[in-house]
Protein backbone atom coordinates (compact mmCIF):
# COMPACT_ATOMS: atom_id res chain seq x y z
CA UNK A 1 -6.67 38.25 26.15
CA UNK A 2 -8.87 37.73 29.14
CA UNK A 3 -7.03 37.95 32.42
CA UNK A 4 -8.77 34.77 33.55
CA UNK A 5 -7.95 32.78 30.44
CA UNK A 6 -5.20 30.64 32.05
CA UNK A 7 -7.80 29.36 34.53
CA UNK A 8 -10.03 28.28 31.67
CA UNK A 9 -7.85 27.55 28.66
CA UNK A 10 -4.24 26.50 28.38
CA UNK A 11 -2.15 28.37 25.81
CA UNK A 12 -3.82 27.49 22.48
CA UNK A 13 -1.87 25.91 19.65
CA UNK A 14 -0.61 28.35 16.99
CA UNK A 15 -3.10 26.84 14.54
CA UNK A 16 -6.00 28.09 16.66
CA UNK A 17 -6.66 31.81 16.42
CA UNK A 18 -5.89 33.50 19.70
CA UNK A 19 -9.05 35.56 19.26
CA UNK A 20 -11.20 32.42 19.36
CA UNK A 21 -9.60 31.25 22.60
CA UNK A 22 -9.97 34.72 24.09
CA UNK A 23 -13.61 35.12 23.07
CA UNK A 24 -14.57 31.66 24.29
CA UNK A 25 -12.76 32.24 27.59
CA UNK A 26 -14.53 35.58 28.09
CA UNK A 27 -17.90 34.02 27.26
CA UNK A 28 -17.38 31.19 29.72
CA UNK A 29 -16.22 33.54 32.46
CA UNK A 30 -19.26 35.76 31.94
CA UNK A 31 -21.64 32.85 31.45
CA UNK A 32 -22.57 34.63 28.21
CA UNK A 33 -24.38 32.24 25.85
CA UNK A 34 -24.80 34.78 23.04
CA UNK A 35 -21.08 35.67 23.03
CA UNK A 36 -20.11 31.99 22.99
CA UNK A 37 -22.40 31.19 20.05
CA UNK A 38 -21.09 34.23 18.14
CA UNK A 39 -17.49 33.10 18.69
CA UNK A 40 -18.02 29.54 17.48
CA UNK A 41 -20.31 30.55 14.61
CA UNK A 42 -17.53 32.65 13.08
CA UNK A 43 -14.92 29.88 13.44
CA UNK A 44 -14.18 26.73 11.49
CA UNK A 45 -15.54 23.55 13.14
CA UNK A 46 -12.04 22.03 13.20
CA UNK A 47 -10.71 25.02 15.17
CA UNK A 48 -13.57 24.77 17.64
CA UNK A 49 -12.88 21.06 18.04
CA UNK A 50 -9.18 21.73 18.66
CA UNK A 51 -10.07 24.30 21.29
CA UNK A 52 -12.44 21.86 23.03
CA UNK A 53 -9.62 19.33 23.14
CA UNK A 54 -7.35 21.85 24.87
CA UNK A 55 -9.61 23.47 27.45
CA UNK A 56 -9.95 22.07 30.92
CA UNK A 57 -12.74 19.53 31.61
CA UNK A 58 -14.75 21.94 33.80
CA UNK A 59 -14.61 24.63 31.12
CA UNK A 60 -15.63 22.06 28.52
CA UNK A 61 -18.73 21.20 30.52
CA UNK A 62 -19.58 24.89 30.80
CA UNK A 63 -19.10 25.22 27.03
CA UNK A 64 -21.59 22.43 26.30
CA UNK A 65 -24.04 23.72 28.91
CA UNK A 66 -23.99 27.25 27.52
CA UNK A 67 -24.26 26.17 23.88
CA UNK A 68 -27.04 23.70 24.76
CA UNK A 69 -29.21 22.89 21.73
CA UNK A 70 -27.14 25.24 19.56
CA UNK A 71 -23.95 23.26 20.00
CA UNK A 72 -22.61 23.06 16.41
CA UNK A 73 -23.25 19.57 15.03
CA UNK A 74 -20.41 19.87 12.50
CA UNK A 75 -17.91 20.06 15.38
CA UNK A 76 -18.71 16.56 16.67
CA UNK A 77 -17.06 14.60 13.79
CA UNK A 78 -13.91 16.72 14.21
CA UNK A 79 -13.36 15.71 17.84
CA UNK A 80 -11.10 12.94 19.10
CA UNK A 81 -13.13 9.81 19.75
CA UNK A 82 -12.76 9.81 23.52
CA UNK A 83 -13.63 13.49 23.87
CA UNK A 84 -16.55 13.14 21.48
CA UNK A 85 -17.98 10.39 23.67
CA UNK A 86 -17.66 12.65 26.72
CA UNK A 87 -19.48 15.51 25.01
CA UNK A 88 -22.18 13.23 23.64
CA UNK A 89 -22.95 12.20 27.21
CA UNK A 90 -23.42 15.86 28.16
CA UNK A 91 -26.00 16.74 25.50
CA UNK A 92 -29.68 15.81 25.28
CA UNK A 93 -30.57 12.77 23.14
CA UNK A 94 -33.09 14.94 21.26
CA UNK A 95 -30.33 17.34 20.25
CA UNK A 96 -28.11 14.41 19.29
CA UNK A 97 -30.77 12.93 17.02
CA UNK A 98 -31.26 16.31 15.35
CA UNK A 99 -27.49 16.72 14.92
CA UNK A 100 -27.16 13.26 13.36
CA UNK A 101 -29.96 14.10 10.94
CA UNK A 102 -28.06 17.18 9.75
CA UNK A 103 -24.78 15.35 9.13
CA UNK A 104 -23.45 13.74 5.99
CA UNK A 105 -24.22 10.02 6.11
CA UNK A 106 -20.59 8.99 6.73
CA UNK A 107 -20.25 11.45 9.63
CA UNK A 108 -23.56 10.27 11.07
CA UNK A 109 -22.40 6.64 11.08
CA UNK A 110 -19.07 7.67 12.58
CA UNK A 111 -20.88 9.37 15.46
CA UNK A 112 -23.60 6.78 16.07
CA UNK A 113 -21.36 3.70 15.94
CA UNK A 114 -19.65 4.58 19.24
CA UNK A 115 -22.79 5.34 21.24
CA UNK A 116 -23.82 2.89 23.92
CA UNK A 117 -26.68 0.59 22.91
CA UNK A 118 -29.42 2.42 24.80
CA UNK A 119 -28.46 5.89 23.56
CA UNK A 120 -27.92 4.60 20.02
CA UNK A 121 -31.44 3.14 19.95
CA UNK A 122 -32.90 6.36 21.29
CA UNK A 123 -31.12 8.43 18.66
CA UNK A 124 -31.99 6.11 15.78
CA UNK A 125 -35.63 5.95 16.78
CA UNK A 126 -35.82 9.75 16.62
CA UNK A 127 -34.48 9.87 13.04
CA UNK A 128 -36.60 9.85 9.87
CA UNK A 129 -37.13 6.30 8.61
CA UNK A 130 -34.87 6.64 5.57
CA UNK A 131 -31.97 8.04 7.61
CA UNK A 132 -32.40 5.40 10.31
CA UNK A 133 -32.44 2.51 7.82
CA UNK A 134 -29.39 3.88 6.03
CA UNK A 135 -27.36 4.18 9.23
CA UNK A 136 -28.45 0.73 10.43
CA UNK A 137 -27.34 -0.79 7.13
CA UNK A 138 -23.94 0.90 7.39
CA UNK A 139 -23.56 -0.39 10.95
CA UNK A 140 -23.99 -3.94 9.67
CA UNK A 141 -20.61 -3.70 7.95
CA UNK A 142 -17.40 -4.52 9.87
CA UNK A 143 -15.93 -1.77 12.01
CA UNK A 144 -13.25 0.29 10.22
CA UNK A 145 -14.41 -0.91 6.80
CA UNK A 146 -15.31 0.98 3.64
CA UNK A 147 -18.97 0.26 4.36
CA UNK A 148 -18.74 2.20 7.62
CA UNK A 149 -16.74 5.07 6.12
CA UNK A 150 -18.61 5.56 2.87
CA UNK A 151 -21.09 8.31 2.14
CA UNK A 152 -24.42 6.76 1.15
CA UNK A 153 -25.69 9.86 -0.67
CA UNK A 154 -24.29 9.44 -4.18
CA UNK A 155 -24.84 11.03 -7.57
CA UNK A 156 -25.40 8.30 -10.15
CA UNK A 157 -26.78 8.44 -13.70
CA UNK A 158 -27.28 5.91 -16.50
CA UNK A 159 -24.91 5.94 -19.50
CA UNK A 160 -27.70 6.74 -21.98
CA UNK A 161 -28.33 10.16 -20.46
CA UNK A 162 -26.75 13.20 -22.03
CA UNK A 163 -24.95 16.05 -20.30
CA UNK A 164 -28.04 18.27 -20.37
CA UNK A 165 -30.21 15.68 -18.65
CA UNK A 166 -27.53 15.14 -16.03
CA UNK A 167 -27.18 18.85 -15.23
CA UNK A 168 -30.94 19.33 -15.07
CA UNK A 169 -31.24 16.34 -12.74
CA UNK A 170 -28.59 17.75 -10.41
CA UNK A 171 -30.30 21.13 -10.29
CA UNK A 172 -33.64 19.53 -9.51
CA UNK A 173 -32.37 17.46 -6.57
CA UNK A 174 -32.59 18.80 -3.05
CA UNK A 175 -30.56 15.98 -1.49
CA UNK A 176 -27.21 16.41 -3.19
CA UNK A 177 -24.16 15.51 -1.09
CA UNK A 178 -22.42 18.49 0.47
CA UNK A 179 -19.30 17.73 -1.58
CA UNK A 180 -18.79 15.43 -4.54
CA UNK A 181 -16.27 15.39 -7.37
CA UNK A 182 -17.43 12.73 -9.79
CA UNK A 183 -20.70 11.34 -11.07
CA UNK A 184 -20.94 7.57 -11.05
CA UNK A 185 -22.36 5.92 -14.14
CA UNK A 186 -24.46 2.82 -13.42
CA UNK A 187 -26.13 0.07 -15.45
CA UNK A 188 -29.75 -1.09 -14.93
CA UNK A 189 -28.66 -3.42 -12.08
CA UNK A 190 -27.14 -0.43 -10.25
CA UNK A 191 -23.57 -1.60 -10.84
CA UNK A 192 -20.92 1.06 -11.59
CA UNK A 193 -19.69 1.02 -15.19
CA UNK A 194 -17.78 4.29 -15.18
CA UNK A 195 -17.27 7.74 -13.68
CA UNK A 196 -17.43 11.27 -15.04
CA UNK A 197 -15.67 14.18 -13.37
CA UNK A 198 -17.63 17.36 -12.79
CA UNK A 199 -15.07 19.28 -14.84
CA UNK A 200 -15.77 16.96 -17.80
CA UNK A 201 -19.50 17.52 -17.38
CA UNK A 202 -19.14 21.30 -17.26
CA UNK A 203 -16.82 21.29 -20.26
CA UNK A 204 -19.15 19.28 -22.50
CA UNK A 205 -22.17 20.45 -24.49
CA UNK A 206 -25.64 19.41 -23.45
CA UNK A 207 -26.28 16.89 -26.27
CA UNK A 208 -23.07 14.92 -25.52
CA UNK A 209 -23.85 11.42 -24.21
CA UNK A 210 -22.53 10.45 -20.80
CA UNK A 211 -21.34 7.13 -22.21
CA UNK A 212 -19.00 8.94 -24.60
CA UNK A 213 -17.22 10.98 -21.92
CA UNK A 214 -17.19 8.58 -18.96
CA UNK A 215 -14.03 6.89 -17.72
CA UNK A 216 -14.51 3.13 -17.69
CA UNK A 217 -11.04 2.55 -16.19
CA UNK A 218 -11.98 3.39 -12.61
CA UNK A 219 -11.23 1.93 -9.19
CA UNK A 220 -13.96 0.70 -6.88
CA UNK A 221 -13.77 -0.47 -3.27
CA UNK A 222 -15.63 -3.27 -1.52
CA UNK A 223 -17.83 -2.57 1.50
CA UNK A 224 -15.61 -4.78 3.67
CA UNK A 225 -12.26 -3.37 2.50
CA UNK A 226 -10.09 -2.34 5.50
CA UNK A 227 -8.64 1.16 6.00
CA UNK A 228 -5.19 0.21 4.74
CA UNK A 229 -6.65 -0.87 1.38
CA UNK A 230 -8.59 2.37 1.12
CA UNK A 231 -5.50 4.44 1.92
CA UNK A 232 -3.41 2.46 -0.56
CA UNK A 233 -5.93 2.84 -3.40
CA UNK A 234 -6.26 6.62 -3.02
CA UNK A 235 -2.51 7.11 -2.65
CA UNK A 236 -1.48 4.71 -5.40
CA UNK A 237 -4.00 5.76 -8.04
CA UNK A 238 -4.38 9.44 -7.10
CA UNK A 239 -8.13 9.15 -6.63
CA UNK A 240 -10.44 11.99 -5.65
CA UNK A 241 -13.34 9.63 -5.01
CA UNK A 242 -14.13 5.95 -5.37
CA UNK A 243 -17.44 4.09 -5.60
CA UNK A 244 -18.04 1.43 -2.95
CA UNK A 245 -19.81 -1.75 -4.07
CA UNK A 246 -21.49 -4.54 -2.10
CA UNK A 247 -20.86 -8.27 -2.43
CA UNK A 248 -22.98 -8.37 -5.61
CA UNK A 249 -21.10 -5.47 -7.19
CA UNK A 250 -23.97 -2.98 -6.77
CA UNK A 251 -23.25 0.62 -5.82
CA UNK A 252 -23.54 1.09 -2.06
CA UNK A 253 -21.89 4.46 -1.55
CA UNK A 254 -18.80 6.53 -2.26
CA UNK A 255 -15.63 7.49 -0.42
CA UNK A 256 -14.22 10.93 -1.17
CA UNK A 257 -10.72 12.30 -0.85
CA UNK A 258 -11.43 14.10 2.45
CA UNK A 259 -12.40 10.80 4.07
CA UNK A 260 -9.40 9.06 2.49
CA UNK A 261 -7.03 11.70 3.89
CA UNK A 262 -8.39 11.00 7.36
CA UNK A 263 -7.76 7.29 6.80
CA UNK A 264 -4.20 7.98 5.62
CA UNK A 265 -3.54 10.13 8.67
CA UNK A 266 -5.04 7.57 11.05
CA UNK A 267 -3.07 4.69 9.50
CA UNK A 268 0.21 6.62 9.78
CA UNK A 269 -0.60 7.58 13.38
CA UNK A 270 -1.52 3.99 14.24
CA UNK A 271 1.76 2.64 12.85
CA UNK A 272 3.75 5.28 14.73
CA UNK A 273 2.02 4.42 18.00
CA UNK A 274 2.44 0.68 17.52
CA UNK A 275 6.14 1.11 16.78
CA UNK A 276 6.49 3.07 20.01
CA UNK A 277 4.47 0.53 21.98
CA UNK A 278 1.69 3.02 22.67
CA UNK A 279 -1.99 2.10 22.63
CA UNK A 280 -4.83 4.02 21.03
CA UNK A 281 -4.50 6.88 23.47
CA UNK A 282 -5.53 10.50 22.99
CA UNK A 283 -4.42 13.74 24.56
CA UNK A 284 -7.73 14.07 26.38
CA UNK A 285 -7.48 10.63 28.03
CA UNK A 286 -7.19 10.48 31.79
CA UNK A 287 -3.95 9.64 33.60
CA UNK A 288 -5.33 6.23 34.63
CA UNK A 289 -6.44 5.39 31.08
CA UNK A 290 -3.06 6.29 29.57
CA UNK A 291 -1.20 4.33 32.26
CA UNK A 292 -3.47 1.32 31.66
CA UNK A 293 -2.77 1.34 27.92
CA UNK A 294 0.99 1.73 28.28
CA UNK A 295 1.43 -0.81 31.06
CA UNK A 296 1.24 -4.00 28.92
CA UNK A 297 3.93 -2.78 26.54
CA UNK A 298 6.19 -1.76 29.38
CA UNK A 299 5.67 -5.22 30.90
CA UNK A 300 6.78 -6.79 27.60
CA UNK A 301 9.84 -4.53 27.61
CA UNK A 302 10.59 -5.65 31.16
CA UNK A 303 10.53 -9.29 30.07
CA UNK A 304 12.91 -8.59 27.17
CA UNK A 305 15.23 -6.62 29.49
CA UNK A 306 15.31 -9.56 31.89
CA UNK A 307 16.17 -11.84 28.97
CA UNK A 308 19.11 -9.60 28.02
CA UNK A 309 20.22 -9.55 31.66
CA UNK A 310 20.19 -13.34 31.76
CA UNK A 311 22.54 -13.37 28.78
CA UNK A 312 24.89 -10.99 30.57
CA UNK A 313 24.73 -13.13 33.71
CA UNK A 314 26.21 -16.06 31.79
CA UNK A 315 29.40 -14.05 31.38
CA UNK A 316 29.70 -12.54 34.87
CA UNK A 317 33.08 -14.17 35.42
CA UNK A 318 34.41 -12.68 32.17
CA UNK A 319 33.17 -9.22 33.16
CA UNK A 320 34.77 -9.54 36.61
CA UNK A 321 38.09 -10.38 34.94
CA UNK A 322 37.92 -7.57 32.38
CA UNK A 323 35.98 -4.64 33.77
CA UNK A 324 36.27 -2.73 30.51
CA UNK A 325 33.73 -5.15 29.01
CA UNK A 326 30.99 -3.72 31.25
CA UNK A 327 31.71 -0.26 29.87
CA UNK A 328 31.91 -1.25 26.21
CA UNK A 329 29.14 -3.84 25.88
CA UNK A 330 26.37 -1.24 25.97
CA UNK A 331 27.88 0.39 22.88
CA UNK A 332 27.41 -2.78 20.83
CA UNK A 333 23.79 -3.26 21.92
CA UNK A 334 22.91 0.42 21.51
CA UNK A 335 24.32 0.68 17.99
CA UNK A 336 22.51 -2.50 16.99
CA UNK A 337 19.24 -1.23 18.42
CA UNK A 338 19.51 2.07 16.55
CA UNK A 339 20.40 0.33 13.28
CA UNK A 340 17.51 -2.09 13.70
CA UNK A 341 15.06 0.75 14.34
CA UNK A 342 16.19 2.52 11.17
CA UNK A 343 15.59 -0.57 9.05
CA UNK A 344 12.34 -1.34 10.87
CA UNK A 345 10.90 2.12 10.21
CA UNK A 346 11.62 1.89 6.49
CA UNK A 347 10.28 -1.67 6.30
CA UNK A 348 6.99 -0.94 8.08
CA UNK A 349 6.35 2.05 5.85
CA UNK A 350 7.19 0.05 2.70
CA UNK A 351 4.83 -2.74 3.76
CA UNK A 352 2.06 -0.24 4.44
CA UNK A 353 2.43 1.19 0.92
CA UNK A 354 2.78 -2.32 -0.55
CA UNK A 355 6.23 -1.49 -1.94
CA UNK A 356 7.63 -4.76 -0.55
CA UNK A 357 6.21 -7.73 -2.44
CA UNK A 358 7.03 -11.42 -2.81
CA UNK A 359 8.98 -10.60 -5.98
CA UNK A 360 11.35 -8.03 -4.48
CA UNK A 361 11.47 -9.13 -0.83
CA UNK A 362 14.72 -11.14 -1.16
CA UNK A 363 16.43 -8.29 -3.00
CA UNK A 364 15.45 -5.81 -0.29
CA UNK A 365 16.50 -8.21 2.49
CA UNK A 366 19.88 -8.67 0.78
CA UNK A 367 20.25 -4.92 0.38
CA UNK A 368 19.55 -4.28 4.06
CA UNK A 369 22.01 -7.00 5.02
CA UNK A 370 24.70 -5.37 2.87
CA UNK A 371 23.94 -1.98 4.44
CA UNK A 372 24.28 -3.57 7.88
CA UNK A 373 27.68 -5.04 7.03
CA UNK A 374 28.99 -1.77 5.57
CA UNK A 375 27.85 0.26 8.57
CA UNK A 376 29.18 -2.44 10.87
CA UNK A 377 32.62 -2.33 9.28
CA UNK A 378 32.75 1.48 9.43
CA UNK A 379 31.87 1.61 13.12
CA UNK A 380 33.99 -1.46 13.86
CA UNK A 381 37.06 0.37 12.56
CA UNK A 382 36.10 3.55 14.43
CA UNK A 383 35.28 1.95 17.78
CA UNK A 384 37.97 -0.70 17.49
CA UNK A 385 40.59 2.00 17.03
CA UNK A 386 39.21 4.11 19.87
CA UNK A 387 39.12 1.11 22.21
CA UNK A 388 42.70 0.17 21.30
CA UNK A 389 43.85 3.72 22.01
CA UNK A 390 41.77 3.96 25.19
CA UNK A 391 42.78 0.70 26.82
CA UNK A 392 45.99 -0.01 24.88
CA UNK A 393 44.73 -3.52 23.98
CA UNK A 394 44.41 -4.31 20.25
CA UNK A 395 42.65 -7.63 20.95
CA UNK A 396 39.92 -5.84 22.96
CA UNK A 397 39.46 -3.40 20.08
CA UNK A 398 39.30 -6.30 17.62
CA UNK A 399 36.66 -8.13 19.71
CA UNK A 400 34.55 -4.98 19.91
CA UNK A 401 34.86 -4.42 16.16
CA UNK A 402 33.84 -7.98 15.22
CA UNK A 403 30.90 -7.89 17.65
CA UNK A 404 29.83 -4.57 16.13
CA UNK A 405 29.79 -6.04 12.62
CA UNK A 406 27.83 -9.10 13.74
CA UNK A 407 25.23 -7.09 15.61
CA UNK A 408 24.78 -4.47 12.90
CA UNK A 409 24.18 -7.25 10.36
CA UNK A 410 21.71 -9.02 12.64
CA UNK A 411 19.98 -5.71 13.41
CA UNK A 412 19.47 -4.94 9.73
CA UNK A 413 18.10 -8.42 9.02
CA UNK A 414 15.83 -8.37 12.09
CA UNK A 415 14.53 -4.93 11.15
CA UNK A 416 13.30 -6.23 7.79
CA UNK A 417 12.46 -9.88 8.55
CA UNK A 418 10.37 -9.32 11.70
CA UNK A 419 7.78 -6.98 10.10
CA UNK A 420 7.64 -9.17 6.99
CA UNK A 421 7.09 -12.21 9.21
CA UNK A 422 4.34 -10.46 11.17
CA UNK A 423 2.56 -9.51 7.96
CA UNK A 424 2.76 -13.11 6.72
CA UNK A 425 1.10 -14.19 9.97
CA UNK A 426 -1.72 -11.71 9.35
CA UNK A 427 -0.63 -9.25 12.06
CA UNK A 428 0.07 -5.55 11.68
CA UNK A 429 3.78 -5.22 10.71
CA UNK A 430 4.19 -2.41 13.22
CA UNK A 431 2.78 -4.48 16.09
CA UNK A 432 5.52 -5.01 18.68
CA UNK A 433 8.19 -5.02 15.95
CA UNK A 434 10.32 -2.54 17.87
CA UNK A 435 10.22 -4.74 20.98
CA UNK A 436 11.27 -7.83 19.03
CA UNK A 437 14.05 -6.02 17.17
CA UNK A 438 15.44 -4.49 20.36
CA UNK A 439 15.41 -7.90 22.06
CA UNK A 440 17.27 -9.52 19.18
CA UNK A 441 19.93 -6.81 19.01
CA UNK A 442 20.46 -6.77 22.78
CA UNK A 443 20.75 -10.54 23.07
CA UNK A 444 22.94 -10.97 20.00
CA UNK A 445 25.06 -7.94 20.84
CA UNK A 446 25.81 -9.04 24.40
CA UNK A 447 26.36 -12.64 23.39
CA UNK A 448 28.65 -11.79 20.48
CA UNK A 449 30.77 -9.31 22.43
CA UNK A 450 31.03 -11.17 25.73
CA UNK A 451 31.30 -14.57 24.03
CA UNK A 452 34.17 -13.42 21.80
CA UNK A 453 35.83 -11.77 24.79
CA UNK A 454 35.65 -15.04 26.73
CA UNK A 455 37.28 -16.95 23.86
CA UNK A 456 39.91 -14.42 22.77
CA UNK A 457 40.83 -12.46 25.91
CA UNK A 458 40.84 -15.14 28.60
């Protein structure tokens, strides 16, 4: 390792080869362009992207400056969005246009869509006419839709061709996609009528007709389908690729499994962040940007905390009379919050995979309610007995136990009903669900425990 590496690069993740970090650090320290290009040329683009996300901003600028026009274009799609925008602003527009021209169509759209208007125009104007028109058409589709994500370069043949014609056509083309797994069969109006896997093509004799070996039971996506529908289709039907059709049903492009895996990963990450009340932040974001994104959610949490405090304030006289209530009431709210989060996590995931439907929703709600009661009874007995032994007051233990059962039941129901309700309203089920569930369990828990204490103990 270079002795100066800590000044340039933080300790790399285990997934990144230490040799890459060392070689890049040495090249940057020596301002050695040749050594830098050798290091990145021998590494996978994803590893180079990970390293760029970890090195310090000053070193990142040196990296881009040294690489200059030889900065690897295939690294750009691998970068986090915010970091990619930063690097794009450091390179020449001429290089950017050349890099876009070398990319697969879906990666090119992914890069161009986030450029500012002036730079986007400059890059598009520098592209060949066919590439420019294709990207502009993709940009007409809604953001985060299948039309934006699809690869426009497709392999399509008519059903009346045979296997020999198909293979000869593939060999003659010089614009084949970098990776494809199926050939799409189209009718004269360019509408998909089937698919044929490459393995089926290679395993069939040349005279065999495409129509006789194609699969007509295939899944297609619409150009305006959102990411969650794409992720669901690939996961549910075990697809390796899927044709994308326009409003008239004509073939517009194809989405392959590598793009679908990215969508699945992004959807899971988005749900996790929303549940935690975190915005669309990245590790390379600045302190101010992260604080700005987290502030609104913390403000919402503050409002809900004030609401819970107002409930407690209604029973200040009861708490003054029985100090033990102040010690025990947090147990009720905490257990309810944890139980609600458990149910909420399962519910949000089930909604994302479309496992909860109108036909089984009531059964699942009833099941979660039963689970809440059972867990409530178990912990009511446990905590009720401990409270009785601790304070020598069976009534106090009984009040705590009943409040525990009530709050655990409410927590389970809130954890399933709130995300279902948000989805019915057209919102993301993960959006603010955790905040709502926590508010419900805190308010109900405090009210049940302190209210029962006021009635039974005073």
